[in-house]
């Protein structure tokens, strides 16, 4: 990318000191670079972390104060002064290239939080299957499951709309069939293109439908324990589905059809089929672990649940079965019980 810009005579600086989960101090350093060169545009080239970082830099370079002032419920508001953003994806999973969210970490406090604004939508998004084929297997699995989970949660959410549901349905159908295949044939450009399309659809769904309990538990797990986002989601998804089933039987039955269920007996049977199919899917892509496997002690479950309920209550309330901190603790215990 730097070579392309140089050949076109476009002045640019490269910031390549980002960690896998962008830390706010790294963003501040990149922001200083952008200000010093009076940048007109910020380009994020890489996975969701790089694109999220570009969004945060686009905010920081055009607004006063530290970037963490602009997280949801922070003291400052993101405005139209935000620099234009270009996204060049190297993964298929986060949907960041078509989304209005940027997730940042504060490792000193052990938290992950989000910037959310319509001013964070990239002006241009590029998904090139030749770039996507460079993804290692681990990244392919984790980001691919993130796309699946975004679509799944958005479709099940009580905060939904028809466009978001339409995109979520197609993303679920594609990822369920394609992700196991692309893990076996990583150089297949057609499979990579399908995953890029599913990622884009899931990202659009994420911008219109609300994620629910699995994602926000994963946010806290990632902030506290550094668990990779896709893996953190996969540890609790099935337990969350069992929790949400009473309020989502019809939707889960519909999802069963998208995933290939031919049993037409009744919605309850089809809902259970969907949950079992998703559990098997997680195993097939190599993500079947629980939080204890990542070093999370059960003695922390109450405090994890309390943080989720306190800081992400809107997302919990969008779940088919909203719950309190006690219910979230029960989900965590269920996730390690089977």
Protein backbone atom coordinates (compact mmCIF):
# COMPACT_ATOMS: atom_id res chain seq x y z
CA UNK A 1 0.00 0.00 0.00
CA UNK A 2 2.81 2.42 0.84
CA UNK A 3 4.34 1.63 -2.55
CA UNK A 4 1.08 2.40 -4.32
CA UNK A 5 0.76 5.73 -2.52
CA UNK A 6 4.38 6.61 -3.21
CA UNK A 7 4.07 5.76 -6.90
CA UNK A 8 1.05 8.06 -7.08
CA UNK A 9 3.01 10.90 -5.47
CA UNK A 10 0.84 10.95 -2.35
CA UNK A 11 2.68 11.99 0.81
CA UNK A 12 2.09 9.52 3.62
CA UNK A 13 3.43 8.16 6.90
CA UNK A 14 3.07 4.57 8.12
CA UNK A 15 2.24 3.74 11.73
CA UNK A 16 2.85 0.04 12.34
CA UNK A 17 3.16 -0.16 16.13
CA UNK A 18 -0.31 -1.50 16.87
CA UNK A 19 -0.94 -4.55 19.02
CA UNK A 20 -3.62 -7.12 18.23
CA UNK A 21 -6.18 -5.28 20.36
CA UNK A 22 -5.49 -1.54 19.84
CA UNK A 23 -4.45 0.13 23.08
CA UNK A 24 -5.35 3.75 23.68
CA UNK A 25 -1.70 4.76 24.15
CA UNK A 26 -0.89 3.40 20.68
CA UNK A 27 -3.77 5.41 19.26
CA UNK A 28 -2.46 8.58 20.91
CA UNK A 29 0.96 8.01 19.32
CA UNK A 30 -0.57 7.48 15.88
CA UNK A 31 -2.76 10.54 16.41
CA UNK A 32 0.32 12.70 17.07
CA UNK A 33 1.81 11.46 13.80
CA UNK A 34 -1.39 12.34 11.93
CA UNK A 35 -1.48 15.80 13.45
CA UNK A 36 2.20 16.47 12.78
CA UNK A 37 1.79 15.70 9.08
CA UNK A 38 -1.58 17.48 8.86
CA UNK A 39 -3.17 14.33 7.47
CA UNK A 40 -6.21 14.70 5.22
CA UNK A 41 -7.20 11.01 5.26
CA UNK A 42 -6.52 8.01 7.51
CA UNK A 43 -6.13 4.55 5.92
CA UNK A 44 -6.57 1.40 7.97
CA UNK A 45 -4.92 -1.59 6.29
CA UNK A 46 -5.26 -4.93 8.07
CA UNK A 47 -7.80 -6.66 10.26
CA UNK A 48 -10.49 -5.17 12.41
CA UNK A 49 -7.95 -3.90 14.93
CA UNK A 50 -6.09 -1.88 12.30
CA UNK A 51 -9.29 -0.48 10.82
CA UNK A 52 -10.67 0.34 14.27
CA UNK A 53 -7.38 2.08 15.05
CA UNK A 54 -7.66 4.14 11.86
CA UNK A 55 -11.14 5.24 12.91
CA UNK A 56 -9.89 6.24 16.34
CA UNK A 57 -6.97 8.18 14.83
CA UNK A 58 -9.39 9.95 12.48
CA UNK A 59 -11.29 11.09 15.57
CA UNK A 60 -8.24 11.96 17.67
CA UNK A 61 -6.50 13.95 14.94
CA UNK A 62 -9.51 16.25 14.60
CA UNK A 63 -10.74 16.54 18.20
CA UNK A 64 -9.25 17.78 21.48
CA UNK A 65 -8.47 15.65 24.50
CA UNK A 66 -7.54 11.96 24.95
CA UNK A 67 -9.22 9.41 22.72
CA UNK A 68 -10.84 7.58 25.65
CA UNK A 69 -12.94 10.70 26.25
CA UNK A 70 -14.90 9.70 23.13
CA UNK A 71 -15.96 6.18 24.11
CA UNK A 72 -19.66 5.47 24.60
CA UNK A 73 -20.89 7.42 27.63
CA UNK A 74 -17.62 9.38 27.71
CA UNK A 75 -17.48 13.13 28.36
CA UNK A 76 -16.93 14.20 24.73
CA UNK A 77 -18.86 13.68 21.48
CA UNK A 78 -17.49 12.64 18.08
CA UNK A 79 -18.32 15.26 15.43
CA UNK A 80 -18.22 15.79 11.67
CA UNK A 81 -14.65 17.08 12.05
CA UNK A 82 -13.54 13.41 11.99
CA UNK A 83 -11.09 12.81 9.12
CA UNK A 84 -12.20 10.63 6.19
CA UNK A 85 -11.35 6.93 6.60
CA UNK A 86 -10.37 4.33 4.00
CA UNK A 87 -10.47 0.66 5.01
CA UNK A 88 -8.44 -2.09 3.31
CA UNK A 89 -9.35 -5.44 4.88
CA UNK A 90 -6.95 -8.32 5.38
CA UNK A 91 -9.44 -10.44 7.36
CA UNK A 92 -13.07 -11.51 6.97
CA UNK A 93 -14.88 -11.22 10.25
CA UNK A 94 -15.10 -7.95 12.11
CA UNK A 95 -17.19 -5.97 9.61
CA UNK A 96 -15.25 -2.88 10.64
CA UNK A 97 -14.82 -1.80 7.01
CA UNK A 98 -18.56 -1.06 6.77
CA UNK A 99 -19.26 -0.23 10.41
CA UNK A 100 -19.45 2.75 12.74
CA UNK A 101 -17.71 1.17 15.72
CA UNK A 102 -14.07 1.20 16.84
CA UNK A 103 -13.05 -0.91 19.84
CA UNK A 104 -10.12 0.20 22.00
CA UNK A 105 -8.33 -1.33 24.99
CA UNK A 106 -7.10 0.25 28.19
CA UNK A 107 -4.82 -2.45 29.56
CA UNK A 108 -4.01 -0.44 32.65
CA UNK A 109 -7.64 -0.74 33.70
CA UNK A 110 -8.24 -4.11 32.03
CA UNK A 111 -11.13 -2.89 29.88
CA UNK A 112 -12.24 -2.77 26.25
CA UNK A 113 -14.63 -0.03 25.21
CA UNK A 114 -16.04 1.32 21.95
CA UNK A 115 -16.28 4.53 19.98
CA UNK A 116 -19.61 4.57 18.12
CA UNK A 117 -20.63 7.25 15.63
CA UNK A 118 -22.00 7.64 12.13
CA UNK A 119 -18.88 9.71 11.44
CA UNK A 120 -16.79 6.51 11.73
CA UNK A 121 -18.17 4.85 8.60
CA UNK A 122 -15.27 4.47 6.12
CA UNK A 123 -15.69 6.47 2.91
CA UNK A 124 -14.11 3.63 0.91
CA UNK A 125 -13.83 -0.09 1.75
CA UNK A 126 -11.63 -2.52 -0.20
CA UNK A 127 -11.85 -6.32 0.20
CA UNK A 128 -9.34 -8.07 -2.08
CA UNK A 129 -9.33 -11.87 -1.99
CA UNK A 130 -5.63 -11.89 -2.92
CA UNK A 131 -4.96 -10.08 0.36
CA UNK A 132 -7.44 -12.21 2.30
CA UNK A 133 -5.73 -15.46 1.27
CA UNK A 134 -2.73 -14.43 3.40
CA UNK A 135 -4.74 -14.95 6.61
CA UNK A 136 -3.34 -17.71 8.85
CA UNK A 137 -5.74 -20.50 9.85
CA UNK A 138 -6.17 -19.17 13.40
CA UNK A 139 -7.09 -15.68 12.19
CA UNK A 140 -9.42 -17.11 9.54
CA UNK A 141 -11.29 -19.17 12.15
CA UNK A 142 -11.51 -16.46 14.81
CA UNK A 143 -12.53 -13.61 12.53
CA UNK A 144 -14.89 -15.84 10.58
CA UNK A 145 -16.68 -16.86 13.76
CA UNK A 146 -16.90 -13.20 14.80
CA UNK A 147 -18.83 -12.52 11.58
CA UNK A 148 -21.10 -15.48 12.27
CA UNK A 149 -21.73 -14.32 15.84
CA UNK A 150 -22.47 -10.74 14.77
CA UNK A 151 -25.10 -11.99 12.35
CA UNK A 152 -26.51 -14.53 14.82
CA UNK A 153 -26.84 -12.05 17.67
CA UNK A 154 -28.20 -9.31 15.42
CA UNK A 155 -30.90 -11.62 14.08
CA UNK A 156 -31.88 -12.78 17.57
CA UNK A 157 -31.76 -9.28 19.05
CA UNK A 158 -34.90 -7.44 20.12
CA UNK A 159 -33.28 -4.31 18.63
CA UNK A 160 -33.54 -5.18 14.95
CA UNK A 161 -34.82 -4.03 11.59
CA UNK A 162 -35.64 -5.73 8.26
CA UNK A 163 -32.43 -4.68 6.49
CA UNK A 164 -30.28 -5.92 9.36
CA UNK A 165 -32.14 -9.22 9.45
CA UNK A 166 -31.85 -9.71 5.69
CA UNK A 167 -28.09 -9.20 5.83
CA UNK A 168 -27.74 -11.37 8.93
CA UNK A 169 -29.62 -14.28 7.35
CA UNK A 170 -27.38 -14.36 4.29
CA UNK A 171 -24.22 -13.94 6.36
CA UNK A 172 -25.20 -16.87 8.60
CA UNK A 173 -25.94 -19.09 5.62
CA UNK A 174 -22.63 -18.28 3.88
CA UNK A 175 -20.30 -18.48 6.90
CA UNK A 176 -21.79 -21.74 8.19
CA UNK A 177 -21.06 -23.43 4.86
CA UNK A 178 -17.92 -21.61 3.78
CA UNK A 179 -15.75 -21.16 6.87
CA UNK A 180 -14.99 -24.89 7.38
CA UNK A 181 -14.19 -25.14 3.65
CA UNK A 182 -11.84 -22.16 3.56
CA UNK A 183 -9.97 -23.55 6.56
CA UNK A 184 -9.25 -26.63 4.44
CA UNK A 185 -8.57 -24.70 1.19
CA UNK A 186 -7.08 -21.36 2.27
CA UNK A 187 -5.81 -20.45 -1.21
CA UNK A 188 -9.23 -20.77 -2.84
CA UNK A 189 -10.03 -17.22 -3.96
CA UNK A 190 -13.72 -17.98 -4.51
CA UNK A 191 -14.09 -19.13 -0.92
CA UNK A 192 -12.19 -16.08 0.29
CA UNK A 193 -14.52 -13.86 -1.74
CA UNK A 194 -17.58 -15.52 -0.24
CA UNK A 195 -16.25 -14.90 3.25
CA UNK A 196 -15.52 -11.27 2.39
CA UNK A 197 -19.12 -10.84 1.23
CA UNK A 198 -20.46 -12.51 4.37
CA UNK A 199 -18.23 -10.29 6.50
CA UNK A 200 -19.61 -7.23 4.72
CA UNK A 201 -23.20 -8.38 5.25
CA UNK A 202 -22.54 -9.12 8.92
CA UNK A 203 -20.98 -5.68 9.30
CA UNK A 204 -24.06 -4.03 7.80
CA UNK A 205 -26.25 -6.07 10.15
CA UNK A 206 -24.09 -5.00 13.09
CA UNK A 207 -24.64 -1.35 12.14
CA UNK A 208 -28.42 -1.76 12.25
CA UNK A 209 -29.16 -4.61 14.69
CA UNK A 210 -27.81 -4.81 18.23
CA UNK A 211 -25.32 -7.43 19.35
CA UNK A 212 -26.40 -9.08 22.58
CA UNK A 213 -25.00 -11.06 25.52
CA UNK A 214 -22.23 -13.19 23.87
CA UNK A 215 -20.43 -10.18 22.42
CA UNK A 216 -20.53 -8.06 25.55
CA UNK A 217 -19.31 -10.88 27.76
CA UNK A 218 -16.50 -11.30 25.23
CA UNK A 219 -15.68 -7.58 25.49
CA UNK A 220 -15.10 -7.96 29.22
CA UNK A 221 -13.16 -11.22 28.82
CA UNK A 222 -10.94 -9.61 26.20
CA UNK A 223 -10.28 -6.54 28.29
CA UNK A 224 -9.51 -8.43 31.48
CA UNK A 225 -7.71 -11.51 30.21
CA UNK A 226 -6.53 -10.65 26.67
CA UNK A 227 -8.55 -13.46 25.07
CA UNK A 228 -8.78 -13.09 21.28
CA UNK A 229 -12.21 -11.68 20.45
CA UNK A 230 -13.51 -14.53 18.28
CA UNK A 231 -12.35 -17.09 20.81
CA UNK A 232 -13.90 -15.16 23.69
CA UNK A 233 -17.28 -15.09 21.90
CA UNK A 234 -17.09 -18.79 21.06
CA UNK A 235 -16.60 -19.75 24.73
CA UNK A 236 -20.04 -18.47 25.74
CA UNK A 237 -22.19 -18.53 22.59
CA UNK A 238 -23.84 -21.91 23.17
CA UNK A 239 -24.58 -21.18 26.84
CA UNK A 240 -26.04 -17.83 25.79
CA UNK A 241 -28.24 -19.53 23.21
CA UNK A 242 -29.56 -21.93 25.83
CA UNK A 243 -30.30 -18.93 28.05
CA UNK A 244 -32.02 -16.98 25.24
CA UNK A 245 -33.98 -19.91 23.77
CA UNK A 246 -37.27 -19.28 25.67
CA UNK A 247 -37.54 -15.84 24.05
CA UNK A 248 -36.26 -16.85 20.61
CA UNK A 249 -37.76 -20.22 19.66
CA UNK A 250 -39.25 -18.91 16.41
CA UNK A 251 -36.09 -17.11 15.36
CA UNK A 252 -33.88 -20.08 16.22
CA UNK A 253 -36.20 -22.33 14.20
CA UNK A 254 -35.77 -19.98 11.24
CA UNK A 255 -31.99 -20.04 11.71
CA UNK A 256 -32.14 -23.84 11.64
CA UNK A 257 -33.54 -23.63 8.13
CA UNK A 258 -30.72 -21.30 7.06
CA UNK A 259 -28.19 -23.78 8.41
CA UNK A 260 -29.71 -26.75 6.59
CA UNK A 261 -32.28 -28.31 8.92
CA UNK A 262 -34.93 -30.30 7.02
CA UNK A 263 -36.97 -31.33 10.07
CA UNK A 264 -40.35 -29.58 9.77
CA UNK A 265 -41.93 -31.08 12.89
CA UNK A 266 -42.17 -27.95 15.08
CA UNK A 267 -40.30 -24.82 16.07
CA UNK A 268 -39.12 -26.18 19.41
CA UNK A 269 -37.36 -29.12 17.77
CA UNK A 270 -35.85 -26.88 15.10
CA UNK A 271 -34.64 -24.39 17.71
CA UNK A 272 -32.80 -27.16 19.55
CA UNK A 273 -31.38 -28.37 16.23
CA UNK A 274 -29.97 -24.89 15.58
CA UNK A 275 -28.25 -24.72 18.96
CA UNK A 276 -26.68 -28.16 18.49
CA UNK A 277 -25.61 -27.28 14.93
CA UNK A 278 -23.89 -24.10 16.13
CA UNK A 279 -22.14 -26.03 18.91
CA UNK A 280 -20.89 -28.53 16.32
CA UNK A 281 -19.83 -25.68 13.99
CA UNK A 282 -17.69 -24.16 16.76
CA UNK A 283 -16.00 -27.54 17.25
CA UNK A 284 -15.43 -28.02 13.50
CA UNK A 285 -13.57 -24.72 13.17
CA UNK A 286 -11.37 -25.49 16.18
CA UNK A 287 -12.80 -23.07 18.74
CA UNK A 288 -14.44 -25.43 21.22
CA UNK A 289 -12.90 -24.28 24.49
CA UNK A 290 -14.35 -22.72 27.61
CA UNK A 291 -13.21 -19.72 29.62
CA UNK A 292 -11.32 -21.87 32.12
CA UNK A 293 -9.13 -23.08 29.24
CA UNK A 294 -8.01 -19.44 28.85
CA UNK A 295 -7.18 -19.06 32.52
CA UNK A 296 -10.39 -17.40 33.73
CA UNK A 297 -11.18 -18.64 37.27
CA UNK A 298 -14.77 -19.32 38.23
CA UNK A 299 -14.20 -17.10 41.25
CA UNK A 300 -14.17 -14.14 38.82
CA UNK A 301 -17.57 -14.94 37.30
CA UNK A 302 -19.56 -12.69 39.62
CA UNK A 303 -17.37 -9.65 38.96
CA UNK A 304 -17.35 -10.32 35.20
CA UNK A 305 -21.14 -10.47 35.23
CA UNK A 306 -21.39 -7.30 37.30
CA UNK A 307 -19.18 -5.41 34.82
CA UNK A 308 -21.17 -6.66 31.84
CA UNK A 309 -24.47 -5.65 33.43
CA UNK A 310 -23.21 -2.24 34.58
CA UNK A 311 -21.32 -1.18 31.45
CA UNK A 312 -23.20 -2.98 28.66
CA UNK A 313 -26.74 -3.05 30.05
CA UNK A 314 -28.32 -1.74 26.84
CA UNK A 315 -26.93 -4.74 24.93
CA UNK A 316 -28.01 -7.19 27.62
CA UNK A 317 -31.52 -5.70 27.52
CA UNK A 318 -31.64 -6.24 23.74
CA UNK A 319 -31.20 -10.00 24.25
CA UNK A 320 -34.28 -12.20 23.69
CA UNK A 321 -34.16 -12.87 27.44
CA UNK A 322 -32.76 -9.83 29.30
CA UNK A 323 -31.20 -10.65 32.64
CA UNK A 324 -29.47 -9.26 35.70
CA UNK A 325 -25.92 -9.89 36.90
CA UNK A 326 -27.03 -13.13 38.55
CA UNK A 327 -28.35 -14.44 35.25
CA UNK A 328 -25.07 -13.53 33.53
CA UNK A 329 -23.14 -15.40 36.21
CA UNK A 330 -25.36 -18.43 35.56
CA UNK A 331 -24.53 -18.25 31.85
CA UNK A 332 -20.81 -18.27 32.64
CA UNK A 333 -21.20 -21.29 34.91
CA UNK A 334 -23.28 -23.08 32.26
CA UNK A 335 -20.58 -22.39 29.66
CA UNK A 336 -18.09 -24.52 31.60
CA UNK A 337 -20.51 -27.17 32.89
CA UNK A 338 -20.91 -29.20 29.69
